[in-house]
Amino acid sequence: MPGKVSDKISDKQELFCREYIVDMNCTNAALKAGFSAKNASVQGWAMKEMPKLKKRINELIAQKNEQTGIRAIDLVNWTDDIRQKATQAGKYDAAIKAVEVIGKLLGHFEKDNTQKQIVLQPPTINVFTGLD
């Protein structure tokens, strides 16, 4: 069928996918998959955006979740607990790092760790009971 893209991926692409799910870092995954340091950032991002590699990464994440019993929402919740405890202890550098990790887990960062344009709705405050 003309125009159909094969779901087959190369060994190098498979290695990239497997390395990517370790720390969700495109550059590190590209380096470990054998790309040169000179263009690992660009190649890593490009590979992560390929539909067939996105599909494979999602399959690997699902396998990992099934094996470990840990879901992405669990990681977000645990990291938020760390953020709260760090803030209460006055360890703001750790709290900021936790916020960055949550942002990455939720996909709020793009290439080169730049933040996506996200419009957040401010919380409504009921002066009698606090946050709604």
Protein backbone atom coordinates (compact mmCIF):
# COMPACT_ATOMS: atom_id res chain seq x y z
CA MET A 1 0.00 0.00 0.00
CA PRO A 2 1.62 3.32 -1.04
CA GLY A 3 2.55 5.74 1.70
CA LYS A 4 2.24 3.16 4.48
CA VAL A 5 4.97 3.52 7.10
CA SER A 6 6.45 0.29 8.43
CA ASP A 7 6.24 -0.32 12.15
CA LYS A 8 9.63 -2.02 12.02
CA ILE A 9 12.42 -0.23 13.81
CA SER A 10 16.16 -0.70 13.65
CA ASP A 11 18.25 -2.16 16.47
CA LYS A 12 19.61 1.33 17.14
CA GLN A 13 16.09 2.73 17.39
CA GLU A 14 15.06 -0.11 19.74
CA LEU A 15 18.05 0.64 21.95
CA PHE A 16 17.11 4.33 21.93
CA CYS A 17 13.55 3.46 23.06
CA ARG A 18 14.80 1.17 25.83
CA GLU A 19 17.27 3.79 27.06
CA TYR A 20 14.71 6.59 26.80
CA ILE A 21 12.34 4.96 29.30
CA VAL A 22 15.14 4.79 31.89
CA ASP A 23 15.20 8.53 32.59
CA MET A 24 13.01 10.06 29.83
CA ASN A 25 16.01 12.01 28.51
CA CYS A 26 16.31 12.10 24.71
CA THR A 27 19.96 13.15 24.66
CA ASN A 28 21.11 10.45 27.09
CA ALA A 29 19.14 7.81 25.21
CA ALA A 30 20.63 8.89 21.87
CA LEU A 31 24.15 8.80 23.31
CA LYS A 32 23.63 5.33 24.76
CA ALA A 33 22.14 4.18 21.46
CA GLY A 34 25.37 5.16 19.71
CA PHE A 35 24.72 8.62 18.30
CA SER A 36 27.54 11.12 18.40
CA ALA A 37 27.64 13.67 21.21
CA LYS A 38 27.66 16.41 18.57
CA ASN A 39 24.10 15.71 17.41
CA ALA A 40 22.64 13.46 20.14
CA SER A 41 20.26 16.16 21.36
CA VAL A 42 18.77 16.80 17.93
CA GLN A 43 18.70 13.11 16.95
CA GLY A 44 17.19 12.10 20.28
CA TRP A 45 14.38 14.61 20.01
CA ALA A 46 13.69 13.68 16.38
CA MET A 47 13.56 9.98 17.23
CA LYS A 48 11.25 10.52 20.20
CA GLU A 49 8.84 12.35 17.91
CA MET A 50 8.69 9.57 15.28
CA PRO A 51 5.24 7.92 15.46
CA LYS A 52 6.57 4.36 15.33
CA LEU A 53 9.09 5.11 18.10
CA LYS A 54 6.45 6.86 20.21
CA LYS A 55 4.38 3.70 19.84
CA ARG A 56 7.33 1.50 20.87
CA ILE A 57 8.19 3.75 23.84
CA ASN A 58 4.57 3.55 25.02
CA GLU A 59 4.67 -0.26 24.68
CA LEU A 60 7.86 -0.42 26.74
CA ILE A 61 6.42 1.88 29.40
CA ALA A 62 3.28 -0.28 29.59
CA GLN A 63 5.46 -3.40 29.99
CA LYS A 64 7.51 -1.71 32.70
CA ASN A 65 4.37 -0.57 34.50
CA GLU A 66 2.94 -4.08 34.35
CA GLN A 67 6.17 -5.62 35.67
CA THR A 68 6.66 -3.14 38.49
CA GLY A 69 3.05 -2.30 39.28
CA ILE A 70 4.03 1.38 39.25
CA ARG A 71 1.99 3.78 37.16
CA ALA A 72 2.90 7.29 36.04
CA ILE A 73 0.31 8.78 38.40
CA ASP A 74 1.99 6.95 41.29
CA LEU A 75 5.28 8.62 40.39
CA VAL A 76 3.61 12.02 40.22
CA ASN A 77 1.96 11.48 43.62
CA TRP A 78 5.17 10.27 45.28
CA THR A 79 7.15 13.15 43.80
CA ASP A 80 4.53 15.61 45.00
CA ASP A 81 4.82 14.14 48.50
CA ILE A 82 8.57 14.75 48.32
CA ARG A 83 7.93 18.32 47.15
CA GLN A 84 5.61 18.98 50.07
CA LYS A 85 8.01 17.53 52.65
CA ALA A 86 10.95 19.42 51.16
CA THR A 87 9.00 22.67 51.25
CA GLN A 88 7.99 22.10 54.87
CA ALA A 89 11.63 21.41 55.75
CA GLY A 90 12.77 24.60 54.01
CA LYS A 91 14.70 22.62 51.38
CA TYR A 92 13.51 24.69 48.46
CA ASP A 93 16.13 23.41 46.00
CA ALA A 94 14.76 19.87 46.49
CA ALA A 95 11.18 21.16 46.20
CA ILE A 96 11.99 22.92 42.92
CA LYS A 97 13.64 19.77 41.58
CA ALA A 98 10.51 17.79 42.49
CA VAL A 99 8.37 20.31 40.58
CA GLU A 100 10.66 19.90 37.55
CA VAL A 101 10.33 16.11 37.73
CA ILE A 102 6.55 16.37 37.93
CA GLY A 103 6.61 18.67 34.89
CA LYS A 104 8.64 16.12 32.96
CA LEU A 105 6.38 13.25 34.00
CA LEU A 106 3.37 15.20 32.83
CA GLY A 107 5.04 16.20 29.56
CA HIS A 108 5.15 19.93 30.25
CA PHE A 109 8.63 20.38 28.82
CA GLU A 110 9.75 20.30 25.21
CA LYS A 111 13.09 20.05 23.45
CA ASP A 112 16.01 21.50 25.41
CA ASN A 113 13.87 21.51 28.56
CA THR A 114 11.92 24.60 27.48
CA GLN A 115 8.51 24.89 29.04
CA LYS A 116 5.43 24.48 26.87
CA GLN A 117 2.96 27.31 26.83
CA ILE A 118 0.37 26.14 29.32
CA VAL A 119 -2.47 28.28 30.54
CA LEU A 120 -3.25 27.51 34.15
CA GLN A 121 -6.49 28.55 35.74
CA PRO A 122 -5.94 30.28 39.09
CA PRO A 123 -7.66 28.54 42.00
CA THR A 124 -10.87 30.03 43.27
CA ILE A 125 -10.78 31.01 46.90
CA ASN A 126 -13.77 30.99 49.17
CA VAL A 127 -12.89 33.36 51.96
CA PHE A 128 -14.93 31.29 54.41
CA THR A 129 -13.51 27.83 53.67
CA GLY A 130 -10.26 28.35 51.72
CA LEU A 131 -9.44 26.87 48.35
CA ASP A 132 -12.30 25.29 46.41
